[in-house]
Protein backbone atom coordinates (compact mmCIF):
# COMPACT_ATOMS: atom_id res chain seq x y z
CA MET A 1 -8.09 11.14 -12.63
CA THR A 2 -11.04 12.26 -10.53
CA LEU A 3 -11.55 11.57 -6.82
CA THR A 4 -15.12 12.17 -5.64
CA ASN A 5 -16.28 12.62 -2.06
CA THR A 6 -19.67 10.91 -2.16
CA THR A 7 -20.40 11.69 1.51
CA GLY A 8 -22.16 14.64 3.06
CA LYS A 9 -19.11 15.48 5.19
CA ALA A 10 -15.84 17.17 4.29
CA LEU A 11 -12.73 15.00 4.03
CA GLY A 12 -9.78 16.76 5.64
CA GLU A 13 -6.89 15.10 3.81
CA VAL A 14 -7.28 13.05 0.64
CA GLN A 15 -4.25 11.22 -0.76
CA PRO A 16 -4.49 10.14 -4.43
CA PHE A 17 -2.83 6.92 -5.52
CA LEU A 18 -2.04 5.94 -9.10
CA LEU A 19 0.04 3.12 -10.52
CA VAL A 20 0.53 2.85 -14.29
CA SER A 21 2.28 -0.42 -15.03
CA SER A 22 2.99 -3.22 -17.44
CA ALA A 23 1.26 -6.51 -16.66
CA GLU A 24 3.91 -8.54 -18.44
CA ASP A 25 6.61 -10.61 -16.75
CA VAL A 26 9.32 -7.94 -16.63
CA ASP A 27 11.80 -6.97 -13.94
CA ARG A 28 10.33 -3.54 -13.11
CA PRO A 29 6.83 -3.35 -14.62
CA TYR A 30 6.21 0.25 -13.54
CA TRP A 31 9.40 1.36 -15.34
CA GLU A 32 7.98 0.23 -18.68
CA LEU A 33 5.94 3.44 -18.74
CA GLU A 34 6.66 6.99 -17.63
CA THR A 35 3.85 8.84 -15.91
CA GLU A 36 3.81 12.47 -14.82
CA TYR A 37 1.44 14.63 -12.77
CA ARG A 38 0.85 18.30 -13.56
CA ASP A 39 1.04 20.36 -10.39
CA ALA A 40 -1.84 22.84 -10.60
CA LYS A 41 -0.03 25.34 -8.34
CA THR A 42 3.22 25.53 -10.31
CA GLY A 43 2.13 24.23 -13.72
CA ARG A 44 5.12 21.89 -13.73
CA TRP A 45 5.06 18.18 -14.53
CA LYS A 46 6.28 15.88 -11.75
CA THR A 47 7.60 12.41 -12.53
CA PHE A 48 6.42 9.32 -10.66
CA HIS A 49 9.90 7.78 -10.54
CA ASP A 50 11.21 7.49 -6.99
CA ALA A 51 8.45 9.79 -5.63
CA ALA A 52 6.09 8.83 -2.83
CA PRO A 53 2.43 9.81 -3.30
CA GLU A 54 2.63 12.48 -0.59
CA ASP A 55 5.65 14.05 -2.29
CA LEU A 56 4.08 13.83 -5.73
CA PHE A 57 0.48 14.89 -5.13
CA GLY A 58 0.45 16.36 -1.65
CA PHE A 59 -2.90 16.28 0.16
CA PHE A 60 -6.27 17.69 -0.81
CA ALA A 61 -9.26 18.75 1.25
CA VAL A 62 -12.42 17.65 -0.56
CA GLY A 63 -15.78 19.14 0.44
CA PRO A 64 -19.08 17.27 0.68
CA ARG A 65 -20.31 15.95 -2.68
CA SER A 66 -17.27 17.52 -4.33
CA ALA A 67 -14.47 16.23 -6.53
CA VAL A 68 -10.81 16.84 -7.30
CA THR A 69 -9.53 16.23 -10.83
CA LEU A 70 -5.85 15.61 -11.51
CA GLN A 71 -4.12 16.00 -14.87
CA LEU A 72 -1.68 13.25 -15.81
CA ARG A 73 0.20 12.00 -18.82
CA THR A 74 1.88 8.68 -19.68
CA ARG A 75 4.21 7.43 -22.38
CA VAL A 76 5.83 4.07 -23.09
CA VAL A 77 9.61 3.81 -22.88
CA LYS A 78 11.44 2.82 -26.07
CA ASP A 79 12.51 -0.67 -24.98
CA ALA A 80 9.24 -1.61 -23.23
CA LYS A 81 7.93 -5.14 -23.74
CA PRO A 82 4.70 -5.15 -25.83
CA GLY A 83 1.67 -6.61 -24.08
CA ALA A 84 -0.92 -5.88 -21.44
CA GLY A 85 -0.81 -2.89 -19.12
CA TYR A 86 -3.04 -1.26 -16.54
CA ALA A 87 -3.62 1.86 -14.48
CA LEU A 88 -4.69 1.35 -10.87
CA ALA A 89 -6.40 4.43 -9.44
CA ALA A 90 -7.48 4.86 -5.83
CA GLY A 91 -7.44 7.24 -2.89
CA ASP A 92 -7.20 7.30 0.89
CA TYR A 93 -8.41 9.87 3.39
CA ARG A 94 -8.13 10.89 7.02
CA ASN A 95 -9.73 13.55 9.21
CA ARG A 96 -8.65 15.45 12.31
CA ASP A 97 -10.85 13.25 14.50
CA GLY A 98 -8.68 10.25 13.59
CA SER A 99 -11.14 8.66 11.17
CA CYS A 100 -9.70 7.33 7.94
CA GLY A 101 -10.55 5.06 5.05
CA SER A 102 -9.86 3.97 1.48
CA THR A 103 -11.73 3.99 -1.79
CA LYS A 104 -12.60 1.07 -3.98
CA GLU A 105 -9.89 0.68 -6.62
CA ALA A 106 -10.63 1.54 -10.26
CA TRP A 107 -8.80 -0.23 -13.08
CA TYR A 108 -8.07 0.92 -16.62
CA ASP A 109 -6.70 -1.63 -19.08
CA PHE A 110 -4.60 -0.89 -22.13
CA THR A 111 -2.19 -2.63 -24.52
CA VAL A 112 1.44 -1.66 -25.07
CA LEU A 113 1.92 -1.95 -28.83
CA PRO A 114 5.17 -2.70 -30.68
CA ARG A 115 7.04 0.31 -32.03
CA GLY A 116 5.49 1.59 -35.24
CA ALA A 117 2.05 0.09 -34.59
CA LYS A 118 -1.01 2.33 -34.82
CA PRO A 119 -3.03 3.04 -31.66
CA THR A 120 -6.31 1.17 -31.25
CA GLN A 121 -9.59 2.29 -29.71
CA PRO A 122 -9.48 3.58 -26.13
CA ALA A 123 -9.52 0.83 -23.54
CA THR A 124 -12.68 0.19 -21.55
CA THR A 125 -12.76 0.75 -17.81
CA GLU A 126 -14.10 -1.50 -15.12
CA PRO A 127 -17.05 -0.23 -13.07
CA GLY A 128 -16.12 1.50 -9.87
CA GLU A 129 -15.53 5.19 -9.32
CA PRO A 130 -13.28 6.13 -6.42
CA GLY A 131 -15.58 7.57 -3.75
CA GLY A 132 -15.42 8.54 -0.10
CA THR A 133 -17.87 5.88 1.05
CA ALA A 134 -16.72 2.97 -1.07
CA GLU A 135 -16.43 -0.27 0.88
CA PRO A 136 -13.12 -2.16 0.74
CA SER A 137 -13.01 -5.41 -1.20
CA HIS A 138 -11.98 -7.22 1.99
CA SER A 139 -12.13 -5.85 5.52
CA ALA A 140 -10.52 -7.52 8.50
CA ALA A 141 -11.94 -11.01 9.03
CA PRO A 142 -12.33 -13.03 12.25
CA ALA A 143 -9.11 -14.62 13.42
CA SER A 144 -10.47 -18.11 12.73
CA GLN A 145 -10.35 -17.35 9.00
CA ALA A 146 -6.64 -16.61 8.96
CA ALA A 147 -4.59 -19.06 6.89
CA PRO A 148 -1.47 -20.42 8.62
CA ALA A 149 1.64 -20.29 6.44
CA ALA A 150 3.40 -23.54 5.62
CA GLU A 151 7.11 -23.85 6.28
CA ILE A 152 8.21 -23.69 2.66
CA PRO A 153 11.11 -21.86 1.01
CA THR A 154 10.85 -18.35 -0.37
CA CYS A 155 10.48 -17.89 -4.11
CA TYR A 156 13.58 -15.70 -4.04
CA ASP A 157 15.67 -18.57 -2.67
CA VAL A 158 14.13 -21.16 -4.99
CA SER A 159 14.86 -19.01 -8.04
CA ASN A 160 18.30 -17.81 -6.93
CA GLY A 161 17.02 -14.25 -7.18
CA GLN A 162 15.35 -14.67 -10.59
CA TYR A 163 11.76 -14.67 -9.29
CA ARG A 164 9.81 -11.45 -9.81
CA ASN A 165 6.88 -10.67 -7.52
CA ASN A 166 4.60 -8.38 -9.51
CA ALA A 167 1.42 -9.57 -7.79
CA LEU A 168 0.88 -7.60 -4.56
CA VAL A 169 0.79 -3.80 -4.81
CA GLY A 170 0.91 -1.99 -1.48
CA ARG A 171 0.07 1.53 -0.39
CA SER A 172 -0.20 3.29 2.98
CA PHE A 173 -1.50 6.68 4.03
CA GLY A 174 -1.28 8.62 7.26
CA ILE A 175 2.27 7.85 8.42
CA PRO A 176 3.95 11.23 9.08
CA LYS A 177 7.61 12.00 8.50
CA SER A 178 8.15 12.19 12.26
CA ILE A 179 6.09 11.54 15.38
CA PRO A 180 6.38 12.85 18.96
CA LEU A 181 7.06 10.38 21.75
CA GLY A 182 4.21 9.84 24.16
CA THR A 183 0.68 8.49 24.44
CA GLN A 184 -0.80 10.01 21.29
CA TRP A 185 -1.88 7.48 18.66
CA THR A 186 -1.16 7.91 14.95
CA THR A 187 -3.78 6.21 12.77
CA TYR A 188 -3.16 5.15 9.17
CA THR A 189 -4.49 2.84 6.48
CA ALA A 190 -2.62 0.04 4.71
CA THR A 191 -3.87 -1.60 1.51
CA LEU A 192 -2.61 -4.62 -0.42
CA THR A 193 -4.02 -5.20 -3.92
CA ASN A 194 -3.67 -8.27 -6.12
CA ALA A 195 -2.61 -6.73 -9.44
CA SER A 196 -1.97 -10.10 -11.11
CA VAL A 197 -4.26 -12.39 -13.13
CA LYS A 198 -3.89 -15.27 -10.65
CA GLU A 199 -5.56 -15.96 -7.32
CA LEU A 200 -3.20 -15.52 -4.39
CA LYS A 201 -3.56 -18.42 -1.95
CA SER A 202 -2.64 -19.03 1.69
CA LEU A 203 -2.53 -15.30 2.29
CA GLU A 204 -1.21 -14.15 5.66
CA LEU A 205 -1.15 -10.57 6.95
CA ARG A 206 1.35 -9.26 9.47
CA ALA A 207 1.60 -5.73 10.86
CA LYS A 208 4.97 -4.37 11.92
CA LEU A 209 6.54 -1.53 13.87
CA GLY A 210 10.26 -1.18 14.33
CA SER A 211 13.48 0.37 13.08
CA TYR A 212 16.43 -0.71 10.99
CA VAL A 213 19.57 -1.66 12.90
CA TYR A 214 22.64 -0.81 10.86
CA ASN A 215 25.48 -1.00 13.39
CA GLU A 216 26.41 -3.15 16.35
CA GLY A 217 25.10 -1.72 19.60
CA GLU A 218 22.10 0.04 18.04
CA ARG A 219 18.69 -0.81 19.45
CA ASP A 220 15.41 -1.57 17.72
CA LEU A 221 12.52 0.81 18.37
CA SER A 222 9.95 -2.00 18.38
CA PRO A 223 9.92 -2.89 22.14
CA TYR A 224 9.19 0.77 22.93
CA GLY A 225 6.21 0.98 20.59
CA ASP A 226 2.56 -0.04 20.60
CA LEU A 227 0.77 -1.25 17.48
CA GLN A 228 -2.95 -1.97 17.07
CA TYR A 229 -5.32 -2.95 14.26
CA TRP A 230 -9.01 -2.15 13.98
CA ASP A 231 -11.14 -5.29 14.31
CA ALA A 232 -14.20 -4.42 12.19
CA SER A 233 -16.18 -7.46 13.39
CA GLN A 234 -15.87 -6.47 17.07
CA ARG A 235 -15.50 -2.74 16.43
CA ALA A 236 -12.49 -2.52 18.73
CA TRP A 237 -8.75 -1.90 18.55
CA LYS A 238 -6.63 -5.02 19.12
CA THR A 239 -3.03 -4.86 20.34
CA LEU A 240 -0.28 -6.70 18.47
CA ARG A 241 2.62 -7.84 20.64
CA GLN A 242 5.05 -10.68 19.94
CA ALA A 243 6.46 -13.10 22.48
CA ASP A 244 9.84 -11.34 22.45
CA GLY A 245 8.19 -8.06 23.40
CA ASN A 246 8.36 -6.46 19.96
CA ALA A 247 5.32 -4.64 18.59
CA GLY A 248 3.65 -6.44 15.68
CA GLY A 249 1.98 -9.70 14.75
CA SER A 250 -0.64 -11.44 12.64
CA VAL A 251 -3.71 -9.56 11.45
CA PRO A 252 -6.81 -11.59 10.49
CA GLY A 253 -7.82 -11.41 6.85
CA PRO A 254 -8.95 -13.40 3.83
CA LYS A 255 -7.23 -16.68 2.97
CA THR A 256 -7.21 -15.91 -0.74
CA LEU A 257 -7.15 -12.76 -2.83
CA LYS A 258 -8.67 -12.93 -6.29
CA PRO A 259 -7.32 -10.85 -9.18
CA ARG A 260 -7.92 -7.15 -8.57
CA GLU A 261 -9.21 -7.64 -5.06
CA SER A 262 -7.80 -5.68 -2.12
CA VAL A 263 -7.53 -6.02 1.62
CA HIS A 264 -7.71 -2.79 3.65
CA VAL A 265 -6.48 -2.58 7.24
CA GLN A 266 -6.64 0.34 9.66
CA LEU A 267 -3.67 0.51 12.03
CA ARG A 268 -2.45 2.85 14.70
CA PHE A 269 0.83 3.18 16.61
CA ARG A 270 2.68 5.19 19.21
CA VAL A 271 6.18 5.23 20.69
CA SER A 272 6.85 5.52 24.41
CA LYS A 273 8.61 8.47 26.02
CA ASP A 274 11.01 5.87 27.46
CA LEU A 275 12.67 5.45 24.06
CA PRO A 276 16.32 6.57 24.50
CA LEU A 277 17.16 9.24 21.94
CA ASP A 278 20.91 8.66 22.10
CA GLN A 279 20.81 7.30 18.54
CA THR A 280 18.98 7.99 15.27
CA TYR A 281 16.06 5.69 14.50
CA ASP A 282 15.19 4.87 10.90
CA ALA A 283 11.75 3.62 11.89
CA PHE A 284 8.95 2.02 9.89
CA THR A 285 5.45 0.63 10.29
CA GLY A 286 3.05 -1.09 7.93
CA LEU A 287 1.51 -4.30 6.65
CA THR A 288 3.07 -7.31 4.91
CA GLY A 289 1.10 -9.85 2.93
CA THR A 290 2.64 -13.30 2.35
CA PHE A 291 1.19 -15.84 -0.07
CA VAL A 292 2.11 -19.18 -1.63
CA ASP A 293 3.21 -19.04 -5.25
CA ARG A 294 4.76 -21.58 -7.60
CA TYR A 295 8.07 -21.28 -9.41
CA ARG A 296 9.40 -24.02 -11.69
CA ASP A 297 7.09 -26.69 -10.22
CA THR A 298 8.02 -25.74 -6.65
CA ASP A 299 5.74 -24.18 -4.03
CA CYS A 300 7.33 -21.13 -2.45
CA THR A 301 6.34 -17.98 -0.55
CA SER A 302 6.28 -14.43 -1.82
CA HIS A 303 5.17 -11.17 -0.24
CA GLY A 304 4.18 -7.55 -0.74
CA ASP A 305 4.46 -4.56 1.60
CA ALA A 306 2.34 -1.51 2.39
CA ASP A 307 4.45 0.55 4.79
CA GLY A 308 6.08 3.88 5.47
CA GLY A 309 9.00 5.34 7.37
CA PHE A 310 9.21 7.94 10.15
CA TYR A 311 11.56 9.40 12.76
CA PRO A 312 10.68 9.67 16.48
CA ARG A 313 11.20 12.99 18.26
CA LYS A 314 10.57 14.54 21.66
CA GLY A 315 7.01 15.84 22.09
């Protein structure tokens, strides 16, 4: 896998992203194959299972007109379902000045053969090399283009837990493990990709900032935080605040997402110094995409997430 900086400027931190997955209707499509990355520093192979991209790859500085090549290997598990599979390759970057962005996704198709079958010719790849200046498939759209969600049941409820959402693949980059309280903004990118063969309709995007509440008496971090998205049409940051005072809300975007299209959103957040640190906060921020699907002749909603967790600390 090669990530190329096609710009004339250095990219401070580049985060590779790779998903090797089955495209069949299985419970955990990415468990049908095992993929490993060879760490150039140690020479050891690292497994993708239960590893976040930052833990697996780390970050790379990529100079102007330069490239980074990663060595990977994949095998099919013994009980995998034969059928279609794909590798989704991409990358995200950020610089010290707060600028960040994402590459155009590259897709590699292959077929998972039954046990004992002979390999066929190498699969062809779709055009599109990951590059530093690649434009996203969908950038933020004017608010008037946002599609309001209908009040319909979730696919999980309709199916009694049998529904499998293998459509929306999410990734985020730039959310640190911990952040200091105060006025400093942390900027990151969130991407949702339609990895299915169907068009996702009535798509809604919502950005979120908060913390999990596990016990009675614990507070949510959300009212103490600020969350903004970058409005590309007006070239300005827009604040997201709900009526109850929590940080978060709807982000304008496309109404539909065709197969292998993506929506990229730049977000930034901060947490006030007024946040009481008399408890531990398991905090998170990110983007959720909700769309209307159909299960057993019933319209229902499904979703995908591109988020990350962090812990607040004193500055």
